[in-house]
Amino acid sequence: MSLTDRILNRRSIRHYKKKEIPEEVLNQIFEAGRNAPSAANMQPIHFIILKNNEVKKKLSSIFSRFLKDAPVVIVGCANVKAILTGKWAVVDTTIAMQNMAIAAWALGVGSCWIGSFNENKVKKTLNIPDNWKVVALITLGYPAEQPKQRKKKPLEKMFSYNSF
């Protein structure tokens, strides 16, 4: 399957098999994030990898019930106070997280973006410093479901040439 086919067939997975993700697979996913482009290659990014069930359960009780059942959760943080590139840190973190979601799918690992959360509670729970912003969380695991393609807008509703 081509990379484009993998991207077009990727789905958000919220139900996972009770199966650990091998470290070598996780490391490939992490490398995809680590090698993402960033403004001036400053990499104002930090990822917290959650595997501890108690920590996942605590976060799950705050905002997303399926978080506790994912074998791995990645918390993407951006150093918004970074010198020169802090204003791009959120974008840099988002690019790296999308790289990881695509790499995971290519390796047979499902993922789901979580963008709705109480940032202050996440920061307090995970001891994240004030100058760092929690951009999003991504759950990872082997899919226990096969969601169907959701309806998307036609190309002409989302793209135009030379002007809006």
N, C-alpha and C. Protein backbone atom coordinates (compact mmCIF):
# COMPACT_ATOMS: atom_id res chain seq x y z
N MET A 1 0.85 -1.17 0.00
CA MET A 1 0.00 0.00 0.00
C MET A 1 0.90 1.24 0.00
N SER A 2 0.57 2.22 -0.84
CA SER A 2 1.36 3.44 -0.91
C SER A 2 1.14 4.31 0.33
N LEU A 3 2.04 5.25 0.54
CA LEU A 3 1.89 6.17 1.68
C LEU A 3 0.58 6.95 1.56
N THR A 4 0.26 7.40 0.35
CA THR A 4 -0.99 8.14 0.15
C THR A 4 -2.19 7.28 0.52
N ASP A 5 -2.18 6.02 0.09
CA ASP A 5 -3.28 5.11 0.45
C ASP A 5 -3.39 4.95 1.96
N ARG A 6 -2.26 4.83 2.63
CA ARG A 6 -2.28 4.70 4.10
C ARG A 6 -2.88 5.94 4.75
N ILE A 7 -2.48 7.11 4.27
CA ILE A 7 -3.03 8.35 4.82
C ILE A 7 -4.53 8.43 4.58
N LEU A 8 -4.97 8.09 3.37
CA LEU A 8 -6.39 8.17 3.04
C LEU A 8 -7.23 7.14 3.77
N ASN A 9 -6.60 6.04 4.19
CA ASN A 9 -7.33 4.99 4.89
C ASN A 9 -7.22 5.05 6.41
N ARG A 10 -6.46 6.01 6.92
CA ARG A 10 -6.31 6.14 8.37
C ARG A 10 -7.63 6.53 9.02
N ARG A 11 -7.93 5.94 10.15
CA ARG A 11 -9.14 6.26 10.91
C ARG A 11 -8.76 6.51 12.37
N SER A 12 -9.60 7.28 13.04
CA SER A 12 -9.43 7.47 14.48
C SER A 12 -9.92 6.21 15.18
N ILE A 13 -9.06 5.65 16.02
CA ILE A 13 -9.37 4.42 16.73
C ILE A 13 -9.55 4.76 18.21
N ARG A 14 -10.69 4.32 18.75
CA ARG A 14 -10.98 4.58 20.17
C ARG A 14 -11.07 3.30 21.00
N HIS A 15 -11.06 2.16 20.32
CA HIS A 15 -11.12 0.88 21.02
C HIS A 15 -9.92 0.05 20.60
N TYR A 16 -9.17 -0.37 21.60
CA TYR A 16 -7.90 -1.07 21.34
C TYR A 16 -7.90 -2.47 21.91
N LYS A 17 -7.12 -3.33 21.26
CA LYS A 17 -6.89 -4.67 21.80
C LYS A 17 -6.02 -4.54 23.03
N LYS A 18 -6.16 -5.46 23.93
CA LYS A 18 -5.31 -5.48 25.13
C LYS A 18 -4.00 -6.14 24.76
N LYS A 19 -3.20 -5.42 24.01
CA LYS A 19 -1.94 -5.94 23.48
C LYS A 19 -0.91 -4.82 23.54
N GLU A 20 0.22 -5.11 24.14
CA GLU A 20 1.29 -4.11 24.24
C GLU A 20 1.89 -3.81 22.88
N ILE A 21 2.35 -2.59 22.73
CA ILE A 21 3.07 -2.21 21.52
C ILE A 21 4.55 -2.43 21.81
N PRO A 22 5.23 -3.25 21.00
CA PRO A 22 6.66 -3.50 21.25
C PRO A 22 7.48 -2.21 21.21
N GLU A 23 8.52 -2.17 22.03
CA GLU A 23 9.38 -0.97 22.11
C GLU A 23 9.95 -0.58 20.74
N GLU A 24 10.33 -1.58 19.92
CA GLU A 24 10.91 -1.24 18.61
C GLU A 24 9.88 -0.57 17.71
N VAL A 25 8.61 -0.93 17.85
CA VAL A 25 7.55 -0.27 17.08
C VAL A 25 7.34 1.14 17.62
N LEU A 26 7.26 1.28 18.94
CA LEU A 26 7.12 2.61 19.54
C LEU A 26 8.27 3.52 19.13
N ASN A 27 9.48 2.99 19.14
CA ASN A 27 10.64 3.82 18.78
C ASN A 27 10.57 4.29 17.34
N GLN A 28 10.02 3.49 16.44
CA GLN A 28 9.85 3.94 15.06
C GLN A 28 8.83 5.08 14.99
N ILE A 29 7.78 4.96 15.77
CA ILE A 29 6.77 6.01 15.83
C ILE A 29 7.38 7.30 16.39
N PHE A 30 8.14 7.15 17.47
CA PHE A 30 8.78 8.33 18.09
C PHE A 30 9.79 8.98 17.13
N GLU A 31 10.52 8.17 16.38
CA GLU A 31 11.48 8.71 15.41
C GLU A 31 10.77 9.55 14.35
N ALA A 32 9.58 9.12 13.95
CA ALA A 32 8.81 9.91 12.97
C ALA A 32 8.49 11.29 13.54
N GLY A 33 8.20 11.35 14.83
CA GLY A 33 7.95 12.65 15.46
C GLY A 33 9.22 13.46 15.64
N ARG A 34 10.28 12.79 16.06
CA ARG A 34 11.55 13.47 16.30
C ARG A 34 12.12 14.08 15.03
N ASN A 35 11.86 13.46 13.90
CA ASN A 35 12.42 13.93 12.64
C ASN A 35 11.51 14.88 11.88
N ALA A 36 10.44 15.31 12.50
CA ALA A 36 9.54 16.28 11.86
C ALA A 36 10.23 17.63 11.72
N PRO A 37 9.86 18.40 10.70
CA PRO A 37 10.44 19.73 10.57
C PRO A 37 9.95 20.66 11.68
N SER A 38 10.77 21.64 12.01
CA SER A 38 10.35 22.68 12.96
C SER A 38 11.01 23.99 12.54
N ALA A 39 10.41 25.09 12.95
CA ALA A 39 10.93 26.42 12.60
C ALA A 39 12.38 26.54 13.04
N ALA A 40 13.25 26.89 12.10
CA ALA A 40 14.69 27.05 12.35
C ALA A 40 15.31 25.80 13.00
N ASN A 41 14.66 24.67 12.85
CA ASN A 41 15.09 23.40 13.44
C ASN A 41 15.36 23.52 14.94
N MET A 42 14.59 24.37 15.60
CA MET A 42 14.77 24.59 17.05
C MET A 42 14.12 23.50 17.90
N GLN A 43 13.15 22.79 17.34
CA GLN A 43 12.50 21.66 18.01
C GLN A 43 12.01 22.02 19.43
N PRO A 44 11.13 23.01 19.54
CA PRO A 44 10.61 23.41 20.85
C PRO A 44 9.48 22.47 21.31
N ILE A 45 9.79 21.19 21.33
CA ILE A 45 8.79 20.14 21.50
C ILE A 45 9.23 19.19 22.61
N HIS A 46 8.25 18.71 23.36
CA HIS A 46 8.52 17.64 24.33
C HIS A 46 7.30 16.72 24.36
N PHE A 47 7.55 15.41 24.39
CA PHE A 47 6.47 14.44 24.44
C PHE A 47 6.56 13.66 25.73
N ILE A 48 5.43 13.50 26.38
CA ILE A 48 5.35 12.67 27.58
C ILE A 48 4.64 11.39 27.15
N ILE A 49 5.30 10.27 27.35
CA ILE A 49 4.76 8.98 26.97
C ILE A 49 4.14 8.35 28.21
N LEU A 50 2.85 8.09 28.15
CA LEU A 50 2.14 7.49 29.27
C LEU A 50 1.86 6.03 28.99
N LYS A 51 2.39 5.19 29.89
CA LYS A 51 2.11 3.75 29.83
C LYS A 51 1.55 3.27 31.17
N ASN A 52 1.75 4.05 32.21
CA ASN A 52 1.30 3.70 33.54
C ASN A 52 -0.23 3.78 33.62
N ASN A 53 -0.85 2.66 33.99
CA ASN A 53 -2.31 2.59 34.01
C ASN A 53 -2.94 3.56 34.99
N GLU A 54 -2.29 3.80 36.13
CA GLU A 54 -2.86 4.72 37.12
C GLU A 54 -2.87 6.16 36.59
N VAL A 55 -1.81 6.56 35.93
CA VAL A 55 -1.74 7.91 35.37
C VAL A 55 -2.78 8.05 34.25
N LYS A 56 -2.87 7.05 33.39
CA LYS A 56 -3.87 7.09 32.31
C LYS A 56 -5.29 7.13 32.88
N LYS A 57 -5.53 6.37 33.92
CA LYS A 57 -6.86 6.33 34.55
C LYS A 57 -7.18 7.70 35.15
N LYS A 58 -6.20 8.32 35.78
CA LYS A 58 -6.42 9.64 36.39
C LYS A 58 -6.78 10.67 35.31
N LEU A 59 -6.02 10.68 34.21
CA LEU A 59 -6.33 11.61 33.12
C LEU A 59 -7.67 11.28 32.48
N SER A 60 -7.96 10.00 32.35
CA SER A 60 -9.22 9.56 31.75
C SER A 60 -10.41 10.08 32.54
N SER A 61 -10.28 10.12 33.85
CA SER A 61 -11.38 10.59 34.69
C SER A 61 -11.59 12.10 34.53
N ILE A 62 -10.57 12.79 34.06
CA ILE A 62 -10.68 14.24 33.88
C ILE A 62 -11.42 14.59 32.60
N PHE A 63 -11.16 13.86 31.49
CA PHE A 63 -11.75 14.32 30.25
C PHE A 63 -12.09 13.28 29.19
N SER A 64 -11.47 12.16 29.12
CA SER A 64 -11.74 11.24 28.01
C SER A 64 -11.71 9.80 28.49
N ARG A 65 -12.86 9.18 28.56
CA ARG A 65 -12.97 7.86 29.18
C ARG A 65 -12.18 6.77 28.48
N PHE A 66 -11.98 6.86 27.15
CA PHE A 66 -11.28 5.78 26.46
C PHE A 66 -9.76 5.87 26.59
N LEU A 67 -9.27 6.96 27.14
CA LEU A 67 -7.84 7.16 27.33
C LEU A 67 -7.22 6.05 28.18
N LYS A 68 -7.93 5.61 29.19
CA LYS A 68 -7.40 4.60 30.13
C LYS A 68 -7.19 3.25 29.47
N ASP A 69 -7.91 2.97 28.39
CA ASP A 69 -7.82 1.67 27.73
C ASP A 69 -6.76 1.61 26.64
N ALA A 70 -6.18 2.75 26.29
CA ALA A 70 -5.14 2.77 25.27
C ALA A 70 -3.83 2.29 25.89
N PRO A 71 -3.10 1.41 25.21
CA PRO A 71 -1.82 0.95 25.75
C PRO A 71 -0.81 2.09 25.97
N VAL A 72 -0.85 3.10 25.08
CA VAL A 72 0.09 4.21 25.17
C VAL A 72 -0.65 5.51 24.86
N VAL A 73 -0.29 6.56 25.58
CA VAL A 73 -0.80 7.90 25.30
C VAL A 73 0.40 8.82 25.16
N ILE A 74 0.40 9.63 24.11
CA ILE A 74 1.45 10.62 23.90
C ILE A 74 0.86 11.99 24.20
N VAL A 75 1.50 12.74 25.07
CA VAL A 75 1.09 14.11 25.39
C VAL A 75 2.09 15.03 24.70
N GLY A 76 1.61 15.79 23.74
CA GLY A 76 2.47 16.69 22.98
C GLY A 76 2.50 18.08 23.58
N CYS A 77 3.70 18.54 23.92
CA CYS A 77 3.87 19.85 24.56
C CYS A 77 4.75 20.75 23.70
N ALA A 78 4.41 22.03 23.68
CA ALA A 78 5.14 23.02 22.89
C ALA A 78 5.70 24.09 23.82
N ASN A 79 6.98 24.41 23.65
CA ASN A 79 7.60 25.47 24.43
C ASN A 79 7.27 26.80 23.77
N VAL A 80 6.16 27.40 24.19
CA VAL A 80 5.69 28.63 23.56
C VAL A 80 6.53 29.85 23.94
N LYS A 81 7.45 29.68 24.86
CA LYS A 81 8.35 30.77 25.26
C LYS A 81 9.75 30.61 24.65
N ALA A 82 9.90 29.64 23.75
CA ALA A 82 11.22 29.41 23.14
C ALA A 82 11.68 30.66 22.41
N ILE A 83 12.95 30.97 22.57
CA ILE A 83 13.53 32.14 21.91
C ILE A 83 13.45 31.95 20.40
N LEU A 84 13.07 32.98 19.69
CA LEU A 84 12.94 33.04 18.22
C LEU A 84 11.74 32.29 17.66
N THR A 85 11.47 31.08 18.13
CA THR A 85 10.47 30.25 17.45
C THR A 85 9.28 29.87 18.32
N GLY A 86 9.13 30.46 19.49
CA GLY A 86 8.03 30.11 20.37
C GLY A 86 6.66 30.26 19.73
N LYS A 87 6.52 31.25 18.85
CA LYS A 87 5.21 31.46 18.22
C LYS A 87 4.87 30.34 17.23
N TRP A 88 5.86 29.55 16.84
CA TRP A 88 5.64 28.43 15.92
C TRP A 88 5.62 27.08 16.63
N ALA A 89 5.83 27.08 17.92
CA ALA A 89 5.98 25.84 18.68
C ALA A 89 4.75 24.93 18.60
N VAL A 90 3.56 25.52 18.63
CA VAL A 90 2.34 24.71 18.55
C VAL A 90 2.25 24.03 17.18
N VAL A 91 2.57 24.77 16.13
CA VAL A 91 2.55 24.20 14.78
C VAL A 91 3.60 23.09 14.68
N ASP A 92 4.80 23.35 15.18
CA ASP A 92 5.87 22.34 15.14
C ASP A 92 5.45 21.06 15.86
N THR A 93 4.83 21.21 17.02
CA THR A 93 4.38 20.05 17.79
C THR A 93 3.29 19.30 17.05
N THR A 94 2.38 20.03 16.44
CA THR A 94 1.29 19.41 15.69
C THR A 94 1.82 18.61 14.51
N ILE A 95 2.79 19.16 13.79
CA ILE A 95 3.39 18.44 12.66
C ILE A 95 4.02 17.15 13.16
N ALA A 96 4.76 17.21 14.24
CA ALA A 96 5.43 16.02 14.78
C ALA A 96 4.40 14.97 15.21
N MET A 97 3.31 15.42 15.82
CA MET A 97 2.28 14.48 16.27
C MET A 97 1.58 13.82 15.08
N GLN A 98 1.35 14.57 14.02
CA GLN A 98 0.73 13.97 12.84
C GLN A 98 1.69 12.97 12.19
N ASN A 99 2.98 13.29 12.16
CA ASN A 99 3.96 12.31 11.67
C ASN A 99 3.85 11.00 12.45
N MET A 100 3.71 11.11 13.77
CA MET A 100 3.62 9.91 14.60
C MET A 100 2.33 9.14 14.33
N ALA A 101 1.21 9.85 14.14
CA ALA A 101 -0.07 9.19 13.86
C ALA A 101 0.00 8.43 12.54
N ILE A 102 0.62 9.03 11.53
CA ILE A 102 0.75 8.36 10.23
C ILE A 102 1.71 7.18 10.32
N ALA A 103 2.83 7.37 10.99
CA ALA A 103 3.79 6.28 11.15
C ALA A 103 3.15 5.12 11.90
N ALA A 104 2.38 5.43 12.94
CA ALA A 104 1.71 4.38 13.70
C ALA A 104 0.80 3.57 12.79
N TRP A 105 -0.01 4.25 12.01
CA TRP A 105 -0.95 3.57 11.11
C TRP A 105 -0.20 2.68 10.12
N ALA A 106 0.91 3.18 9.60
CA ALA A 106 1.71 2.39 8.65
C ALA A 106 2.28 1.13 9.33
N LEU A 107 2.43 1.18 10.65
CA LEU A 107 2.96 0.04 11.41
C LEU A 107 1.85 -0.83 12.00
N GLY A 108 0.61 -0.55 11.63
CA GLY A 108 -0.51 -1.35 12.12
C GLY A 108 -1.05 -0.92 13.47
N VAL A 109 -0.62 0.24 13.94
CA VAL A 109 -1.03 0.77 15.24
C VAL A 109 -2.03 1.90 15.01
N GLY A 110 -3.17 1.82 15.69
CA GLY A 110 -4.17 2.86 15.57
C GLY A 110 -3.89 4.02 16.51
N SER A 111 -4.54 5.14 16.23
CA SER A 111 -4.37 6.32 17.08
C SER A 111 -5.63 7.15 17.05
N CYS A 112 -5.74 8.02 18.03
CA CYS A 112 -6.84 8.99 18.06
C CYS A 112 -6.33 10.28 18.69
N TRP A 113 -6.54 11.37 17.98
CA TRP A 113 -6.19 12.68 18.51
C TRP A 113 -7.19 13.06 19.59
N ILE A 114 -6.70 13.66 20.66
CA ILE A 114 -7.57 14.22 21.70
C ILE A 114 -7.20 15.69 21.84
N GLY A 115 -8.13 16.54 21.46
CA GLY A 115 -7.88 17.97 21.52
C GLY A 115 -8.75 18.68 22.54
N SER A 116 -9.72 17.96 23.09
CA SER A 116 -10.62 18.54 24.07
C SER A 116 -10.22 18.05 25.46
N PHE A 117 -9.59 18.93 26.22
CA PHE A 117 -9.12 18.58 27.56
C PHE A 117 -8.91 19.85 28.37
N ASN A 118 -8.83 19.69 29.66
CA ASN A 118 -8.55 20.81 30.56
C ASN A 118 -7.03 20.90 30.71
N GLU A 119 -6.44 21.85 30.02
CA GLU A 119 -4.98 21.95 30.00
C GLU A 119 -4.39 22.12 31.39
N ASN A 120 -5.00 22.92 32.23
CA ASN A 120 -4.45 23.13 33.58
C ASN A 120 -4.40 21.83 34.38
N LYS A 121 -5.44 21.01 34.26
CA LYS A 121 -5.47 19.74 34.99
C LYS A 121 -4.43 18.77 34.43
N VAL A 122 -4.27 18.75 33.12
CA VAL A 122 -3.25 17.88 32.52
C VAL A 122 -1.86 18.32 32.97
N LYS A 123 -1.62 19.64 32.93
CA LYS A 123 -0.31 20.17 33.34
C LYS A 123 -0.03 19.85 34.80
N LYS A 124 -1.02 20.01 35.64
CA LYS A 124 -0.83 19.73 37.07
C LYS A 124 -0.57 18.24 37.29
N THR A 125 -1.35 17.39 36.65
CA THR A 125 -1.21 15.94 36.81
C THR A 125 0.16 15.45 36.36
N LEU A 126 0.69 16.04 35.27
CA LEU A 126 1.95 15.56 34.69
C LEU A 126 3.15 16.46 35.00
N ASN A 127 2.97 17.44 35.87
CA ASN A 127 4.06 18.34 36.28
C ASN A 127 4.70 19.07 35.09
N ILE A 128 3.88 19.59 34.21
CA ILE A 128 4.37 20.30 33.02
C ILE A 128 4.61 21.76 33.39
N PRO A 129 5.81 22.28 33.11
CA PRO A 129 6.14 23.67 33.46
C PRO A 129 5.24 24.68 32.75
N ASP A 130 5.15 25.87 33.35
CA ASP A 130 4.27 26.93 32.85
C ASP A 130 4.57 27.36 31.43
N ASN A 131 5.84 27.38 31.02
CA ASN A 131 6.19 27.87 29.69
C ASN A 131 5.86 26.87 28.58
N TRP A 132 5.34 25.71 28.95
CA TRP A 132 4.97 24.69 27.97
C TRP A 132 3.46 24.63 27.83
N LYS A 133 2.98 24.52 26.60
CA LYS A 133 1.56 24.39 26.31
C LYS A 133 1.27 22.95 25.90
N VAL A 134 0.21 22.38 26.45
CA VAL A 134 -0.22 21.06 26.01
C VAL A 134 -1.02 21.27 24.72
N VAL A 135 -0.51 20.73 23.62
CA VAL A 135 -1.12 20.92 22.31
C VAL A 135 -2.24 19.91 22.09
N ALA A 136 -1.95 18.64 22.33
CA ALA A 136 -2.92 17.57 22.12
C ALA A 136 -2.38 16.29 22.74
N LEU A 137 -3.24 15.30 22.80
CA LEU A 137 -2.84 13.97 23.22
C LEU A 137 -3.20 13.01 22.10
N ILE A 138 -2.43 11.96 21.96
CA ILE A 138 -2.73 10.92 20.98
C ILE A 138 -2.69 9.58 21.70
N THR A 139 -3.77 8.82 21.56
CA THR A 139 -3.77 7.46 22.08
C THR A 139 -3.21 6.54 21.00
N LEU A 140 -2.54 5.47 21.43
CA LEU A 140 -1.99 4.49 20.51
C LEU A 140 -2.35 3.08 20.97
N GLY A 141 -2.61 2.21 20.01
CA GLY A 141 -2.86 0.82 20.32
C GLY A 141 -3.26 0.05 19.08
N TYR A 142 -3.27 -1.26 19.19
CA TYR A 142 -3.71 -2.08 18.07
C TYR A 142 -5.23 -2.02 17.99
N PRO A 143 -5.77 -1.69 16.81
CA PRO A 143 -7.22 -1.48 16.68
C PRO A 143 -8.06 -2.71 17.04
N ALA A 144 -9.12 -2.46 17.80
CA ALA A 144 -10.12 -3.48 18.10
C ALA A 144 -11.42 -3.10 17.39
N GLU A 145 -11.34 -2.19 16.44
CA GLU A 145 -12.49 -1.74 15.66
C GLU A 145 -12.00 -1.33 14.27
N GLN A 146 -12.93 -1.24 13.33
CA GLN A 146 -12.62 -0.79 11.98
C GLN A 146 -13.64 0.26 11.57
N PRO A 147 -13.46 1.50 12.01
CA PRO A 147 -14.43 2.54 11.66
C PRO A 147 -14.49 2.75 10.14
N LYS A 148 -15.67 3.08 9.67
CA LYS A 148 -15.86 3.35 8.24
C LYS A 148 -15.41 4.79 7.93
N GLN A 149 -15.14 5.03 6.67
CA GLN A 149 -14.79 6.38 6.21
C GLN A 149 -15.95 7.33 6.49
N ARG A 150 -15.63 8.46 7.08
CA ARG A 150 -16.66 9.47 7.32
C ARG A 150 -16.73 10.39 6.11
N LYS A 151 -17.88 10.97 5.92
CA LYS A 151 -18.09 11.85 4.77
C LYS A 151 -17.16 13.06 4.87
N LYS A 152 -16.54 13.40 3.78
CA LYS A 152 -15.64 14.56 3.71
C LYS A 152 -16.18 15.55 2.67
N LYS A 153 -15.86 16.81 2.86
CA LYS A 153 -16.24 17.83 1.89
C LYS A 153 -15.56 17.54 0.55
N PRO A 154 -16.19 17.92 -0.55
CA PRO A 154 -15.52 17.76 -1.85
C PRO A 154 -14.31 18.70 -1.95
N LEU A 155 -13.35 18.33 -2.79
CA LEU A 155 -12.13 19.13 -2.97
C LEU A 155 -12.44 20.60 -3.24
N GLU A 156 -13.38 20.85 -4.14
CA GLU A 156 -13.66 22.24 -4.54
C GLU A 156 -14.22 23.09 -3.40
N LYS A 157 -14.69 22.47 -2.32
CA LYS A 157 -15.17 23.23 -1.16
C LYS A 157 -14.00 23.60 -0.23
N MET A 158 -12.86 22.92 -0.40
CA MET A 158 -11.75 23.13 0.51
C MET A 158 -10.51 23.74 -0.15
N PHE A 159 -10.44 23.68 -1.46
CA PHE A 159 -9.26 24.17 -2.18
C PHE A 159 -9.66 25.13 -3.29
N SER A 160 -8.82 26.15 -3.48
CA SER A 160 -8.99 27.05 -4.63
C SER A 160 -7.61 27.47 -5.11
N TYR A 161 -7.55 27.93 -6.32
CA TYR A 161 -6.29 28.35 -6.92
C TYR A 161 -6.19 29.86 -6.96
N ASN A 162 -5.04 30.39 -6.56
CA ASN A 162 -4.64 31.78 -6.72
C ASN A 162 -5.40 32.81 -5.91
N SER A 163 -6.53 32.48 -5.35
CA SER A 163 -7.24 33.37 -4.42
C SER A 163 -8.28 32.54 -3.68
N PHE A 164 -8.84 33.11 -2.64
CA PHE A 164 -9.82 32.38 -1.85
C PHE A 164 -11.05 32.12 -2.70
